[in-house]
Structure formats: structure tokens, C-alpha cells
């Protein structure tokens, strides 16, 4: 039996998509940030505060590692600083 649209949790679906996008970016060996993931097709999260825990858990799992910070290219961030990541094996 399918779930009603009202009962579906968009947060779970976004987390699944985000982890896949993050792992794909990590395998490229190139630096990336959250905006890079959205440019690659990942939709923005249901809540903007979901970015931090996503990257934190991926770093704890040794999927990614911090390599620096830069000014965000995301228009809504007004050039605020954001972390830059790479795959942990890169």
C-alpha cells in the first residue's frame, strides 16, 4: 500500500539524494561545497539548516575532509564564507 502524499517525509528523500550527490562529488577528487551539489542537480534541502549535519556526518564517516573555506557563490549567501570539501581519499 502506497503512502499518502501527506505522510511522505521530504526530509528523508532529500537526505538520501544528498548523500548520493555528496559521495559522487567526493569521488571526483575535486574540491566542492554545498552550492556545487545544487549546481549538479541536488535540490535545496527542506530546511537550510540541514546542510551542516550532512557534511558533519560525511566527515565523521571519513567520506569527505575539509580543505578550506571560500566566499559562497550562492546568490542568497551574499558571499558569506562556506567550507570547501574533498573526498577523504583524494
C-alpha atoms as a PDB file:
ATOM      1  CA  UNK A   1       0.000   0.000   0.000  1.00  0.00           C
ATOM      2  CA  UNK A   2       1.430   3.370  -1.016  1.00  0.00           C
ATOM      3  CA  UNK A   3       1.845   6.189   1.480  1.00  0.00           C
ATOM      4  CA  UNK A   4      -0.368   9.201   1.213  1.00  0.00           C
ATOM      5  CA  UNK A   5       1.418  12.306  -0.080  1.00  0.00           C
ATOM      6  CA  UNK A   6       0.612  13.962   3.247  1.00  0.00           C
ATOM      7  CA  UNK A   7       2.509  11.264   5.150  1.00  0.00           C
ATOM      8  CA  UNK A   8       5.637  11.286   2.971  1.00  0.00           C
ATOM      9  CA  UNK A   9       8.621  12.978   4.583  1.00  0.00           C
ATOM     10  CA  UNK A  10      10.553  15.175   2.120  1.00  0.00           C
ATOM     11  CA  UNK A  11      13.431  15.328   4.603  1.00  0.00           C
ATOM     12  CA  UNK A  12      14.195  11.598   4.266  1.00  0.00           C
ATOM     13  CA  UNK A  13      14.092  11.791   0.474  1.00  0.00           C
ATOM     14  CA  UNK A  14      16.414  14.822   0.426  1.00  0.00           C
ATOM     15  CA  UNK A  15      18.916  13.162   2.772  1.00  0.00           C
ATOM     16  CA  UNK A  16      19.060  10.109   0.501  1.00  0.00           C
ATOM     17  CA  UNK A  17      19.603  12.303  -2.566  1.00  0.00           C
ATOM     18  CA  UNK A  18      22.131  14.492  -0.756  1.00  0.00           C
ATOM     19  CA  UNK A  19      24.247  11.559   0.420  1.00  0.00           C
ATOM     20  CA  UNK A  20      24.375  10.161  -3.111  1.00  0.00           C
ATOM     21  CA  UNK A  21      25.358  13.573  -4.536  1.00  0.00           C
ATOM     22  CA  UNK A  22      27.972  14.090  -1.835  1.00  0.00           C
ATOM     23  CA  UNK A  23      29.529  10.657  -2.406  1.00  0.00           C
ATOM     24  CA  UNK A  24      29.626  11.291  -6.166  1.00  0.00           C
ATOM     25  CA  UNK A  25      31.335  14.646  -5.618  1.00  0.00           C
ATOM     26  CA  UNK A  26      33.816  13.044  -3.216  1.00  0.00           C
ATOM     27  CA  UNK A  27      34.835  10.513  -5.871  1.00  0.00           C
ATOM     28  CA  UNK A  28      35.782  13.222  -8.379  1.00  0.00           C
ATOM     29  CA  UNK A  29      38.867  14.224  -6.405  1.00  0.00           C
ATOM     30  CA  UNK A  30      37.940  17.890  -6.875  1.00  0.00           C
ATOM     31  CA  UNK A  31      37.041  20.438  -4.172  1.00  0.00           C
ATOM     32  CA  UNK A  32      33.330  21.157  -3.730  1.00  0.00           C
ATOM     33  CA  UNK A  33      30.819  22.887  -1.486  1.00  0.00           C
ATOM     34  CA  UNK A  34      27.057  22.737  -0.976  1.00  0.00           C
ATOM     35  CA  UNK A  35      26.429  25.039  -3.921  1.00  0.00           C
ATOM     36  CA  UNK A  36      28.396  22.684  -6.165  1.00  0.00           C
ATOM     37  CA  UNK A  37      25.977  19.905  -5.202  1.00  0.00           C
ATOM     38  CA  UNK A  38      22.954  22.016  -6.121  1.00  0.00           C
ATOM     39  CA  UNK A  39      24.537  23.004  -9.434  1.00  0.00           C
ATOM     40  CA  UNK A  40      24.865  19.262 -10.080  1.00  0.00           C
ATOM     41  CA  UNK A  41      21.120  18.773  -9.661  1.00  0.00           C
ATOM     42  CA  UNK A  42      20.560  18.270  -5.931  1.00  0.00           C
ATOM     43  CA  UNK A  43      17.549  20.332  -4.827  1.00  0.00           C
ATOM     44  CA  UNK A  44      17.909  22.641  -1.851  1.00  0.00           C
ATOM     45  CA  UNK A  45      17.000  20.948   1.444  1.00  0.00           C
ATOM     46  CA  UNK A  46      13.573  21.386   3.024  1.00  0.00           C
ATOM     47  CA  UNK A  47      15.352  23.412   5.743  1.00  0.00           C
ATOM     48  CA  UNK A  48      18.626  25.309   5.112  1.00  0.00           C
ATOM     49  CA  UNK A  49      19.992  24.103   8.460  1.00  0.00           C
ATOM     50  CA  UNK A  50      20.220  20.569   7.026  1.00  0.00           C
ATOM     51  CA  UNK A  51      23.471  21.299   5.156  1.00  0.00           C
ATOM     52  CA  UNK A  52      25.672  21.367   8.258  1.00  0.00           C
ATOM     53  CA  UNK A  53      24.679  17.967   9.666  1.00  0.00           C
ATOM     54  CA  UNK A  54      25.003  16.400   6.215  1.00  0.00           C
ATOM     55  CA  UNK A  55      28.623  17.475   5.834  1.00  0.00           C
ATOM     56  CA  UNK A  56      29.427  16.805   9.500  1.00  0.00           C
ATOM     57  CA  UNK A  57      28.237  13.207   9.317  1.00  0.00           C
ATOM     58  CA  UNK A  58      30.009  12.603   6.000  1.00  0.00           C
ATOM     59  CA  UNK A  59      33.245  13.929   7.522  1.00  0.00           C
ATOM     60  CA  UNK A  60      32.799  11.702  10.591  1.00  0.00           C
ATOM     61  CA  UNK A  61      32.255   8.726   8.273  1.00  0.00           C
ATOM     62  CA  UNK A  62      35.545   9.619   6.515  1.00  0.00           C
ATOM     63  CA  UNK A  63      33.777  10.175   3.176  1.00  0.00           C
ATOM     64  CA  UNK A  64      34.966  13.788   2.939  1.00  0.00           C
ATOM     65  CA  UNK A  65      37.517  16.072   4.566  1.00  0.00           C
ATOM     66  CA  UNK A  66      37.710  19.863   4.952  1.00  0.00           C
ATOM     67  CA  UNK A  67      40.237  21.533   2.670  1.00  0.00           C
ATOM     68  CA  UNK A  68      39.457  25.199   3.242  1.00  0.00           C
ATOM     69  CA  UNK A  69      36.895  27.970   3.063  1.00  0.00           C
ATOM     70  CA  UNK A  70      35.864  30.425   0.378  1.00  0.00           C
ATOM     71  CA  UNK A  71      33.208  33.008  -0.353  1.00  0.00           C
ATOM     72  CA  UNK A  72      29.999  31.317  -1.404  1.00  0.00           C
ATOM     73  CA  UNK A  73      28.888  31.730  -4.996  1.00  0.00           C
ATOM     74  CA  UNK A  74      25.278  31.057  -3.979  1.00  0.00           C
ATOM     75  CA  UNK A  75      23.419  34.353  -4.573  1.00  0.00           C
ATOM     76  CA  UNK A  76      21.361  34.039  -1.376  1.00  0.00           C
ATOM     77  CA  UNK A  77      24.501  33.780   0.785  1.00  0.00           C
ATOM     78  CA  UNK A  78      25.762  37.284  -0.048  1.00  0.00           C
ATOM     79  CA  UNK A  79      29.316  35.975  -0.482  1.00  0.00           C
ATOM     80  CA  UNK A  80      29.381  34.571   3.061  1.00  0.00           C
ATOM     81  CA  UNK A  81      32.101  32.090   3.906  1.00  0.00           C
ATOM     82  CA  UNK A  82      31.495  28.393   3.369  1.00  0.00           C
ATOM     83  CA  UNK A  83      33.619  25.293   3.816  1.00  0.00           C
ATOM     84  CA  UNK A  84      35.268  23.535   0.905  1.00  0.00           C
ATOM     85  CA  UNK A  85      35.446  19.741   0.923  1.00  0.00           C
ATOM     86  CA  UNK A  86      37.142  16.908  -0.962  1.00  0.00           C
ATOM     87  CA  UNK A  87      36.808  13.163  -0.871  1.00  0.00           C
ATOM     88  CA  UNK A  88      38.693  11.758   2.094  1.00  0.00           C
ATOM     89  CA  UNK A  89      40.768   9.512  -0.151  1.00  0.00           C
ATOM     90  CA  UNK A  90      41.736  12.344  -2.530  1.00  0.00           C
END
